[in-house]
Amino acid sequence: MTGTQTDAGGKPMFSSQESDMMRAYVTERDSTRFDLVPQGFVKLDVSHSNLEQRWHNITFVLGDSVLAAKEKLHRHGGSAVADMQLFLRRGPGDTVAMENEHLALGYYGAQHGMEIFIKDSNPYSMSANGALEDLSLVEKYEMDDETYDKREKSVRVDKRREAAKKAAERAANPPPPREATPDDKKEQWLARFGVGARAQLKVGERRGEVKFFGPIPKTEGSWVGIELDEPHGKHDGKNIFECVKTPNYGVFVRPDNVDVGEFPERDPFDELSDDEV
């Protein structure tokens, strides 16, 4: 919801108008929700003194006794029938104790939407101290790894079997050699074209010294900047690198069009390559 404020805990805070709209949406059918309940039956909410949970719209027979209601509620909350005290909450400030087990629920004025509150008087009840809701109180069985590994059927055995199967398939069908990627080539070029290395252009076999390696403005990819031994270049480095000799000793070539190694100076007179800038 756009612009919704939150409280200190990060929960959304709704305006009074938004709250009214939500309440109207949730309760719009409250007046008719019991229309289909057969005559002589009643829908009641139930809460328990030892439990956080609540039960909504539990069906009771108005003519059944309080004792019959306790027997029904034993299956919900776990409290023994003899340990239960039932209270009928008929409205704000209107709660009655249903003390006579032989009287009917209808005698105490039970109607749709009211609430029965169960008070468990037994301090050792199975529902006391969170025994039915707190999972941390449940003793868990734990198996050590050595015992688990000895089991013939387990998730771990299945995973190991599947892993062994895949390993055998990979060994029988090895993947084709991986082709060099642009990143691989870049690493190779960086290792080859160190500043100061001697180089020879593949086209024209002109020689010189590597002065630069990397991208240059308004182009894509990497270039090798070389200061040639003879003035057969196109510039003096284009402000990317500086040629000691001038003019026209500088040239940029693509890495694939140059070799690096032991190339002593000589006098090349071949024409310039179209692969140069």
C-alpha atoms as a PDB file:
ATOM      1  CA  MET A   1       0.000   0.000   0.000  1.00  0.00           C
ATOM      2  CA  THR A   2       1.593   3.224  -1.140  1.00  0.00           C
ATOM      3  CA  GLY A   3       2.660   5.573   1.642  1.00  0.00           C
ATOM      4  CA  THR A   4       1.681   3.202   4.470  1.00  0.00           C
ATOM      5  CA  GLN A   5       3.473   4.065   7.702  1.00  0.00           C
ATOM      6  CA  THR A   6       5.099   1.375   9.834  1.00  0.00           C
ATOM      7  CA  ASP A   7       5.579   1.026  13.574  1.00  0.00           C
ATOM      8  CA  ALA A   8       8.900   0.448  15.391  1.00  0.00           C
ATOM      9  CA  GLY A   9       8.701  -3.246  14.544  1.00  0.00           C
ATOM     10  CA  GLY A  10       8.219  -2.622  10.833  1.00  0.00           C
ATOM     11  CA  LYS A  11       4.553  -3.635  10.814  1.00  0.00           C
ATOM     12  CA  PRO A  12       2.206  -1.519   8.684  1.00  0.00           C
ATOM     13  CA  MET A  13       0.125   1.111  10.461  1.00  0.00           C
ATOM     14  CA  PHE A  14      -3.270   1.677   8.866  1.00  0.00           C
ATOM     15  CA  SER A  15      -5.250   4.882   8.997  1.00  0.00           C
ATOM     16  CA  SER A  16      -8.645   4.877  10.684  1.00  0.00           C
ATOM     17  CA  GLN A  17     -10.326   4.970   7.273  1.00  0.00           C
ATOM     18  CA  GLU A  18      -8.315   1.977   6.060  1.00  0.00           C
ATOM     19  CA  SER A  19      -9.092   0.086   9.274  1.00  0.00           C
ATOM     20  CA  ASP A  20     -12.806   0.790   8.906  1.00  0.00           C
ATOM     21  CA  MET A  21     -12.756  -0.447   5.304  1.00  0.00           C
ATOM     22  CA  MET A  22     -10.925  -3.625   6.306  1.00  0.00           C
ATOM     23  CA  ARG A  23     -13.293  -4.257   9.206  1.00  0.00           C
ATOM     24  CA  ALA A  24     -16.321  -3.771   6.945  1.00  0.00           C
ATOM     25  CA  TYR A  25     -14.902  -6.232   4.397  1.00  0.00           C
ATOM     26  CA  VAL A  26     -14.165  -8.922   7.004  1.00  0.00           C
ATOM     27  CA  THR A  27     -17.479  -8.611   8.848  1.00  0.00           C
ATOM     28  CA  GLU A  28     -19.867  -7.945   5.953  1.00  0.00           C
ATOM     29  CA  ARG A  29     -21.406 -11.445   6.184  1.00  0.00           C
ATOM     30  CA  ASP A  30     -21.426 -11.770   9.962  1.00  0.00           C
ATOM     31  CA  SER A  31     -25.160 -11.179  10.179  1.00  0.00           C
ATOM     32  CA  THR A  32     -25.940 -14.158   7.928  1.00  0.00           C
ATOM     33  CA  ARG A  33     -23.146 -16.636   8.748  1.00  0.00           C
ATOM     34  CA  PHE A  34     -25.384 -18.711  11.048  1.00  0.00           C
ATOM     35  CA  ASP A  35     -28.458 -18.734   8.807  1.00  0.00           C
ATOM     36  CA  LEU A  36     -27.822 -22.279   7.555  1.00  0.00           C
ATOM     37  CA  VAL A  37     -27.200 -23.822  10.998  1.00  0.00           C
ATOM     38  CA  PRO A  38     -30.033 -26.348  11.688  1.00  0.00           C
ATOM     39  CA  GLN A  39     -32.541 -25.667  14.440  1.00  0.00           C
ATOM     40  CA  GLY A  40     -31.345 -26.899  17.827  1.00  0.00           C
ATOM     41  CA  PHE A  41     -27.633 -26.468  17.044  1.00  0.00           C
ATOM     42  CA  VAL A  42     -25.326 -23.630  18.012  1.00  0.00           C
ATOM     43  CA  LYS A  43     -21.878 -22.448  16.813  1.00  0.00           C
ATOM     44  CA  LEU A  44     -19.537 -21.409  19.642  1.00  0.00           C
ATOM     45  CA  ASP A  45     -15.917 -20.316  19.918  1.00  0.00           C
ATOM     46  CA  VAL A  46     -13.707 -22.143  22.435  1.00  0.00           C
ATOM     47  CA  SER A  47     -10.612 -21.032  24.374  1.00  0.00           C
ATOM     48  CA  HIS A  48      -8.471 -22.853  26.927  1.00  0.00           C
ATOM     49  CA  SER A  49      -6.606 -21.751  30.056  1.00  0.00           C
ATOM     50  CA  ASN A  50      -3.462 -23.713  29.113  1.00  0.00           C
ATOM     51  CA  LEU A  51      -3.386 -23.152  25.350  1.00  0.00           C
ATOM     52  CA  GLU A  52      -2.678 -20.242  23.046  1.00  0.00           C
ATOM     53  CA  GLN A  53      -4.835 -21.624  20.266  1.00  0.00           C
ATOM     54  CA  ARG A  54      -8.552 -20.953  19.929  1.00  0.00           C
ATOM     55  CA  TRP A  55     -11.231 -22.900  18.090  1.00  0.00           C
ATOM     56  CA  HIS A  56     -13.895 -21.061  16.134  1.00  0.00           C
ATOM     57  CA  ASN A  57     -17.425 -22.077  15.220  1.00  0.00           C
ATOM     58  CA  ILE A  58     -17.453 -25.443  17.008  1.00  0.00           C
ATOM     59  CA  THR A  59     -20.906 -27.025  16.608  1.00  0.00           C
ATOM     60  CA  PHE A  60     -22.801 -28.002  19.779  1.00  0.00           C
ATOM     61  CA  VAL A  61     -26.323 -29.307  20.355  1.00  0.00           C
ATOM     62  CA  LEU A  62     -28.314 -26.915  22.530  1.00  0.00           C
ATOM     63  CA  GLY A  63     -30.068 -29.830  24.240  1.00  0.00           C
ATOM     64  CA  ASP A  64     -26.802 -31.570  25.172  1.00  0.00           C
ATOM     65  CA  SER A  65     -25.687 -31.404  28.775  1.00  0.00           C
ATOM     66  CA  VAL A  66     -22.623 -29.565  30.035  1.00  0.00           C
ATOM     67  CA  LEU A  67     -21.101 -33.005  30.682  1.00  0.00           C
ATOM     68  CA  ALA A  68     -21.570 -33.958  27.021  1.00  0.00           C
ATOM     69  CA  ALA A  69     -19.906 -30.664  26.032  1.00  0.00           C
ATOM     70  CA  LYS A  70     -16.921 -31.491  28.279  1.00  0.00           C
ATOM     71  CA  GLU A  71     -16.576 -34.932  26.655  1.00  0.00           C
ATOM     72  CA  LYS A  72     -16.554 -33.244  23.230  1.00  0.00           C
ATOM     73  CA  LEU A  73     -14.026 -30.638  24.337  1.00  0.00           C
ATOM     74  CA  HIS A  74     -11.681 -33.269  25.776  1.00  0.00           C
ATOM     75  CA  ARG A  75     -10.895 -34.276  22.189  1.00  0.00           C
ATOM     76  CA  HIS A  76      -9.929 -30.674  21.361  1.00  0.00           C
ATOM     77  CA  GLY A  77      -7.878 -29.533  24.332  1.00  0.00           C
ATOM     78  CA  GLY A  78      -6.774 -32.762  25.985  1.00  0.00           C
ATOM     79  CA  SER A  79      -8.038 -31.824  29.441  1.00  0.00           C
ATOM     80  CA  ALA A  80      -9.716 -34.611  31.401  1.00  0.00           C
ATOM     81  CA  VAL A  81     -13.469 -34.233  31.851  1.00  0.00           C
ATOM     82  CA  ALA A  82     -13.117 -34.274  35.653  1.00  0.00           C
ATOM     83  CA  ASP A  83     -10.560 -31.422  35.525  1.00  0.00           C
ATOM     84  CA  MET A  84     -12.652 -29.054  33.394  1.00  0.00           C
ATOM     85  CA  GLN A  85     -14.613 -26.036  34.523  1.00  0.00           C
ATOM     86  CA  LEU A  86     -16.647 -24.442  31.731  1.00  0.00           C
ATOM     87  CA  PHE A  87     -17.574 -20.774  31.523  1.00  0.00           C
ATOM     88  CA  LEU A  88     -19.908 -19.288  28.935  1.00  0.00           C
ATOM     89  CA  ARG A  89     -18.887 -15.789  27.827  1.00  0.00           C
ATOM     90  CA  ARG A  90     -22.140 -14.326  26.558  1.00  0.00           C
ATOM     91  CA  GLY A  91     -20.860 -10.776  26.037  1.00  0.00           C
ATOM     92  CA  PRO A  92     -18.703  -8.035  27.555  1.00  0.00           C
ATOM     93  CA  GLY A  93     -18.963  -8.329  31.331  1.00  0.00           C
ATOM     94  CA  ASP A  94     -21.408 -11.248  31.075  1.00  0.00           C
ATOM     95  CA  THR A  95     -19.762 -14.583  31.908  1.00  0.00           C
ATOM     96  CA  VAL A  96     -21.524 -17.455  33.679  1.00  0.00           C
ATOM     97  CA  ALA A  97     -20.046 -20.610  35.182  1.00  0.00           C
ATOM     98  CA  MET A  98     -21.745 -23.751  33.888  1.00  0.00           C
ATOM     99  CA  GLU A  99     -21.388 -25.611  37.179  1.00  0.00           C
ATOM    100  CA  ASN A 100     -24.241 -28.101  36.858  1.00  0.00           C
ATOM    101  CA  GLU A 101     -23.057 -30.786  34.429  1.00  0.00           C
ATOM    102  CA  HIS A 102     -26.580 -32.178  34.012  1.00  0.00           C
ATOM    103  CA  LEU A 103     -28.126 -28.971  32.679  1.00  0.00           C
ATOM    104  CA  ALA A 104     -28.255 -28.281  28.937  1.00  0.00           C
ATOM    105  CA  LEU A 105     -26.210 -25.623  27.172  1.00  0.00           C
ATOM    106  CA  GLY A 106     -29.453 -23.953  26.207  1.00  0.00           C
ATOM    107  CA  TYR A 107     -30.300 -23.515  29.897  1.00  0.00           C
ATOM    108  CA  TYR A 108     -27.297 -21.180  30.256  1.00  0.00           C
ATOM    109  CA  GLY A 109     -28.405 -19.134  27.247  1.00  0.00           C
ATOM    110  CA  ALA A 110     -25.838 -20.349  24.685  1.00  0.00           C
ATOM    111  CA  GLN A 111     -26.250 -18.586  21.336  1.00  0.00           C
ATOM    112  CA  HIS A 112     -24.297 -18.367  18.098  1.00  0.00           C
ATOM    113  CA  GLY A 113     -20.957 -16.524  18.385  1.00  0.00           C
ATOM    114  CA  MET A 114     -20.588 -16.870  22.151  1.00  0.00           C
ATOM    115  CA  GLU A 115     -17.484 -18.417  23.675  1.00  0.00           C
ATOM    116  CA  ILE A 116     -16.884 -21.354  26.004  1.00  0.00           C
ATOM    117  CA  PHE A 117     -13.796 -20.899  28.170  1.00  0.00           C
ATOM    118  CA  ILE A 118     -12.198 -24.095  29.523  1.00  0.00           C
ATOM    119  CA  LYS A 119     -10.373 -23.808  32.829  1.00  0.00           C
ATOM    120  CA  ASP A 120      -8.163 -26.834  33.500  1.00  0.00           C
ATOM    121  CA  SER A 121      -7.780 -27.200  37.280  1.00  0.00           C
ATOM    122  CA  ASN A 122      -5.204 -30.019  37.153  1.00  0.00           C
ATOM    123  CA  PRO A 123      -1.620 -28.654  37.463  1.00  0.00           C
ATOM    124  CA  TYR A 124      -0.338 -31.937  35.984  1.00  0.00           C
ATOM    125  CA  SER A 125      -2.667 -31.876  33.001  1.00  0.00           C
ATOM    126  CA  MET A 126      -1.188 -32.990  29.653  1.00  0.00           C
ATOM    127  CA  SER A 127      -1.998 -29.499  28.347  1.00  0.00           C
ATOM    128  CA  ALA A 128      -0.143 -27.677  31.131  1.00  0.00           C
ATOM    129  CA  ASN A 129       3.076 -25.713  30.621  1.00  0.00           C
ATOM    130  CA  GLY A 130       2.868 -25.785  26.832  1.00  0.00           C
ATOM    131  CA  ALA A 131       3.119 -29.568  26.532  1.00  0.00           C
ATOM    132  CA  LEU A 132       0.679 -29.650  23.591  1.00  0.00           C
ATOM    133  CA  GLU A 133       2.033 -26.602  21.748  1.00  0.00           C
ATOM    134  CA  ASP A 134       5.727 -26.058  22.544  1.00  0.00           C
ATOM    135  CA  LEU A 135       7.672 -28.258  20.100  1.00  0.00           C
ATOM    136  CA  SER A 136      10.931 -27.558  21.939  1.00  0.00           C
ATOM    137  CA  LEU A 137       9.632 -29.765  24.766  1.00  0.00           C
ATOM    138  CA  VAL A 138       9.305 -32.778  22.484  1.00  0.00           C
ATOM    139  CA  GLU A 139      12.226 -35.184  22.810  1.00  0.00           C
ATOM    140  CA  LYS A 140      13.733 -35.779  19.395  1.00  0.00           C
ATOM    141  CA  TYR A 141      15.481 -38.954  18.301  1.00  0.00           C
ATOM    142  CA  GLU A 142      18.914 -38.324  16.793  1.00  0.00           C
ATOM    143  CA  MET A 143      20.963 -40.939  14.954  1.00  0.00           C
ATOM    144  CA  ASP A 144      24.755 -40.687  14.862  1.00  0.00           C
ATOM    145  CA  ASP A 145      26.509 -40.643  11.473  1.00  0.00           C
ATOM    146  CA  GLU A 146      28.103 -44.074  11.911  1.00  0.00           C
ATOM    147  CA  THR A 147      24.739 -45.749  12.516  1.00  0.00           C
ATOM    148  CA  TYR A 148      23.091 -43.794   9.711  1.00  0.00           C
ATOM    149  CA  ASP A 149      25.834 -44.798   7.250  1.00  0.00           C
ATOM    150  CA  LYS A 150      25.147 -48.465   7.952  1.00  0.00           C
ATOM    151  CA  ARG A 151      21.548 -48.195   6.790  1.00  0.00           C
ATOM    152  CA  GLU A 152      20.934 -49.790   3.398  1.00  0.00           C
ATOM    153  CA  LYS A 153      18.062 -47.459   2.573  1.00  0.00           C
ATOM    154  CA  SER A 154      18.422 -43.767   3.369  1.00  0.00           C
ATOM    155  CA  VAL A 155      18.532 -40.400   1.659  1.00  0.00           C
ATOM    156  CA  ARG A 156      22.313 -40.318   2.081  1.00  0.00           C
ATOM    157  CA  VAL A 157      22.708 -43.703   0.351  1.00  0.00           C
ATOM    158  CA  ASP A 158      20.485 -42.550  -2.513  1.00  0.00           C
ATOM    159  CA  LYS A 159      22.507 -39.355  -2.942  1.00  0.00           C
ATOM    160  CA  ARG A 160      25.799 -41.252  -2.960  1.00  0.00           C
ATOM    161  CA  ARG A 161      24.463 -43.731  -5.487  1.00  0.00           C
ATOM    162  CA  GLU A 162      23.246 -40.892  -7.722  1.00  0.00           C
ATOM    163  CA  ALA A 163      26.595 -39.073  -7.411  1.00  0.00           C
ATOM    164  CA  ALA A 164      28.503 -42.253  -8.345  1.00  0.00           C
ATOM    165  CA  LYS A 165      26.235 -42.766 -11.355  1.00  0.00           C
ATOM    166  CA  LYS A 166      26.824 -39.221 -12.605  1.00  0.00           C
ATOM    167  CA  ALA A 167      30.588 -39.540 -12.081  1.00  0.00           C
ATOM    168  CA  ALA A 168      30.627 -42.738 -14.150  1.00  0.00           C
ATOM    169  CA  GLU A 169      28.625 -41.050 -16.910  1.00  0.00           C
ATOM    170  CA  ARG A 170      31.034 -38.085 -16.959  1.00  0.00           C
ATOM    171  CA  ALA A 171      34.020 -40.451 -17.133  1.00  0.00           C
ATOM    172  CA  ALA A 172      32.469 -42.373 -20.021  1.00  0.00           C
ATOM    173  CA  ASN A 173      31.474 -39.202 -21.891  1.00  0.00           C
ATOM    174  CA  PRO A 174      34.039 -36.483 -21.137  1.00  0.00           C
ATOM    175  CA  PRO A 175      33.029 -32.985 -22.280  1.00  0.00           C
ATOM    176  CA  PRO A 176      34.778 -31.558 -25.356  1.00  0.00           C
ATOM    177  CA  PRO A 177      37.700 -29.205 -24.726  1.00  0.00           C
ATOM    178  CA  ARG A 178      36.499 -25.766 -23.789  1.00  0.00           C
ATOM    179  CA  GLU A 179      37.077 -23.120 -26.410  1.00  0.00           C
ATOM    180  CA  ALA A 180      39.011 -20.061 -25.375  1.00  0.00           C
ATOM    181  CA  THR A 181      36.720 -17.207 -24.375  1.00  0.00           C
ATOM    182  CA  PRO A 182      37.447 -13.489 -24.912  1.00  0.00           C
ATOM    183  CA  ASP A 183      38.414 -13.302 -21.236  1.00  0.00           C
ATOM    184  CA  ASP A 184      40.900 -16.139 -21.693  1.00  0.00           C
ATOM    185  CA  LYS A 185      42.443 -14.343 -24.678  1.00  0.00           C
ATOM    186  CA  LYS A 186      42.638 -11.110 -22.721  1.00  0.00           C
ATOM    187  CA  GLU A 187      44.627 -12.826 -19.968  1.00  0.00           C
ATOM    188  CA  GLN A 188      46.935 -14.357 -22.557  1.00  0.00           C
ATOM    189  CA  TRP A 189      47.427 -10.979 -24.269  1.00  0.00           C
ATOM    190  CA  LEU A 190      48.140  -9.239 -20.980  1.00  0.00           C
ATOM    191  CA  ALA A 191      50.860 -11.806 -20.288  1.00  0.00           C
ATOM    192  CA  ARG A 192      52.373 -11.373 -23.762  1.00  0.00           C
ATOM    193  CA  PHE A 193      52.261  -7.671 -24.468  1.00  0.00           C
ATOM    194  CA  GLY A 194      54.276  -6.243 -21.613  1.00  0.00           C
ATOM    195  CA  VAL A 195      55.607  -2.720 -22.088  1.00  0.00           C
ATOM    196  CA  GLY A 196      59.184  -2.915 -23.373  1.00  0.00           C
ATOM    197  CA  ALA A 197      58.778  -6.224 -25.200  1.00  0.00           C
ATOM    198  CA  ARG A 198      60.087  -6.539 -28.744  1.00  0.00           C
ATOM    199  CA  ALA A 199      57.386  -7.094 -31.383  1.00  0.00           C
ATOM    200  CA  GLN A 200      56.948  -7.815 -35.065  1.00  0.00           C
ATOM    201  CA  LEU A 201      53.829  -7.113 -37.134  1.00  0.00           C
ATOM    202  CA  LYS A 202      52.578 -10.180 -38.952  1.00  0.00           C
ATOM    203  CA  VAL A 203      51.826  -8.179 -42.089  1.00  0.00           C
ATOM    204  CA  GLY A 204      54.891  -6.355 -43.383  1.00  0.00           C
ATOM    205  CA  GLU A 205      57.164  -7.781 -40.654  1.00  0.00           C
ATOM    206  CA  ARG A 206      57.935  -4.317 -39.297  1.00  0.00           C
ATOM    207  CA  ARG A 207      59.505  -4.394 -35.880  1.00  0.00           C
ATOM    208  CA  GLY A 208      59.504  -2.223 -32.824  1.00  0.00           C
ATOM    209  CA  GLU A 209      58.909  -1.992 -29.089  1.00  0.00           C
ATOM    210  CA  VAL A 210      55.599  -2.450 -27.225  1.00  0.00           C
ATOM    211  CA  LYS A 211      54.642   0.831 -25.548  1.00  0.00           C
ATOM    212  CA  PHE A 212      50.980   0.235 -24.700  1.00  0.00           C
ATOM    213  CA  PHE A 213      48.311  -2.478 -24.406  1.00  0.00           C
ATOM    214  CA  GLY A 214      44.615  -1.868 -23.780  1.00  0.00           C
ATOM    215  CA  PRO A 215      41.565  -0.003 -25.142  1.00  0.00           C
ATOM    216  CA  ILE A 216      41.782   3.307 -26.961  1.00  0.00           C
ATOM    217  CA  PRO A 217      39.017   5.931 -27.195  1.00  0.00           C
ATOM    218  CA  LYS A 218      36.204   5.527 -29.736  1.00  0.00           C
ATOM    219  CA  THR A 219      37.113   1.895 -30.509  1.00  0.00           C
ATOM    220  CA  GLU A 220      36.190  -1.515 -29.177  1.00  0.00           C
ATOM    221  CA  GLY A 221      38.475  -4.193 -27.802  1.00  0.00           C
ATOM    222  CA  SER A 222      42.189  -4.042 -27.030  1.00  0.00           C
ATOM    223  CA  TRP A 223      45.052  -2.640 -29.090  1.00  0.00           C
ATOM    224  CA  VAL A 224      48.831  -2.961 -28.962  1.00  0.00           C
ATOM    225  CA  GLY A 225      50.687   0.353 -29.231  1.00  0.00           C
ATOM    226  CA  ILE A 226      54.118  -0.061 -30.851  1.00  0.00           C
ATOM    227  CA  GLU A 227      56.960   2.380 -31.474  1.00  0.00           C
ATOM    228  CA  LEU A 228      58.469   1.139 -34.768  1.00  0.00           C
ATOM    229  CA  ASP A 229      62.176   1.002 -35.475  1.00  0.00           C
ATOM    230  CA  GLU A 230      61.603   2.961 -38.699  1.00  0.00           C
ATOM    231  CA  PRO A 231      59.176   5.865 -39.480  1.00  0.00           C
ATOM    232  CA  HIS A 232      56.614   3.626 -41.170  1.00  0.00           C
ATOM    233  CA  GLY A 233      53.818   4.322 -38.701  1.00  0.00           C
ATOM    234  CA  LYS A 234      50.805   6.607 -38.826  1.00  0.00           C
ATOM    235  CA  HIS A 235      51.332   8.819 -35.773  1.00  0.00           C
ATOM    236  CA  ASP A 236      53.424   9.377 -32.649  1.00  0.00           C
ATOM    237  CA  GLY A 237      51.149   7.516 -30.231  1.00  0.00           C
ATOM    238  CA  LYS A 238      47.977   9.635 -30.449  1.00  0.00           C
ATOM    239  CA  ASN A 239      48.589  10.866 -26.894  1.00  0.00           C
ATOM    240  CA  ILE A 240      48.084   7.265 -25.697  1.00  0.00           C
ATOM    241  CA  PHE A 241      51.811   6.581 -25.558  1.00  0.00           C
ATOM    242  CA  GLU A 242      54.831   8.732 -26.452  1.00  0.00           C
ATOM    243  CA  CYS A 243      57.287   7.892 -29.225  1.00  0.00           C
ATOM    244  CA  VAL A 244      60.878   8.858 -28.502  1.00  0.00           C
ATOM    245  CA  LYS A 245      61.494   8.905 -32.236  1.00  0.00           C
ATOM    246  CA  THR A 246      59.343  11.266 -34.317  1.00  0.00           C
ATOM    247  CA  PRO A 247      57.463  11.627 -36.527  1.00  0.00           C
ATOM    248  CA  ASN A 248      55.355   8.636 -37.668  1.00  0.00           C
ATOM    249  CA  TYR A 249      56.993   5.946 -35.584  1.00  0.00           C
ATOM    250  CA  GLY A 250      53.799   5.003 -33.761  1.00  0.00           C
ATOM    251  CA  VAL A 251      51.175   2.455 -34.746  1.00  0.00           C
ATOM    252  CA  PHE A 252      48.273   0.588 -33.116  1.00  0.00           C
ATOM    253  CA  VAL A 253      47.544  -3.002 -34.177  1.00  0.00           C
ATOM    254  CA  ARG A 254      45.189  -5.692 -33.001  1.00  0.00           C
ATOM    255  CA  PRO A 255      46.782  -8.328 -30.713  1.00  0.00           C
ATOM    256  CA  ASP A 256      46.139 -11.102 -33.227  1.00  0.00           C
ATOM    257  CA  ASN A 257      48.245  -9.234 -35.830  1.00  0.00           C
ATOM    258  CA  VAL A 258      51.469  -8.984 -33.871  1.00  0.00           C
ATOM    259  CA  ASP A 259      54.068 -11.407 -32.483  1.00  0.00           C
ATOM    260  CA  VAL A 260      56.209 -10.795 -29.411  1.00  0.00           C
ATOM    261  CA  GLY A 261      59.678 -12.276 -29.026  1.00  0.00           C
ATOM    262  CA  GLU A 262      63.363 -11.809 -29.905  1.00  0.00           C
ATOM    263  CA  PHE A 263      63.126  -9.451 -32.851  1.00  0.00           C
ATOM    264  CA  PRO A 264      66.319  -7.365 -33.276  1.00  0.00           C
ATOM    265  CA  GLU A 265      66.183  -4.079 -35.130  1.00  0.00           C
ATOM    266  CA  ARG A 266      66.394  -4.142 -38.948  1.00  0.00           C
ATOM    267  CA  ASP A 267      65.229  -1.973 -41.836  1.00  0.00           C
ATOM    268  CA  PRO A 268      61.724  -3.032 -42.953  1.00  0.00           C
ATOM    269  CA  PHE A 269      60.362  -1.395 -46.140  1.00  0.00           C
ATOM    270  CA  ASP A 270      57.037  -3.225 -46.555  1.00  0.00           C
ATOM    271  CA  GLU A 271      53.730  -1.395 -47.079  1.00  0.00           C
ATOM    272  CA  LEU A 272      51.370  -0.644 -44.191  1.00  0.00           C
ATOM    273  CA  SER A 273      48.661  -3.145 -43.345  1.00  0.00           C
ATOM    274  CA  ASP A 274      44.934  -2.414 -43.628  1.00  0.00           C
ATOM    275  CA  ASP A 275      44.586  -3.806 -40.090  1.00  0.00           C
ATOM    276  CA  GLU A 276      46.422  -0.795 -38.625  1.00  0.00           C
ATOM    277  CA  VAL A 277      44.910   2.442 -37.224  1.00  0.00           C
END
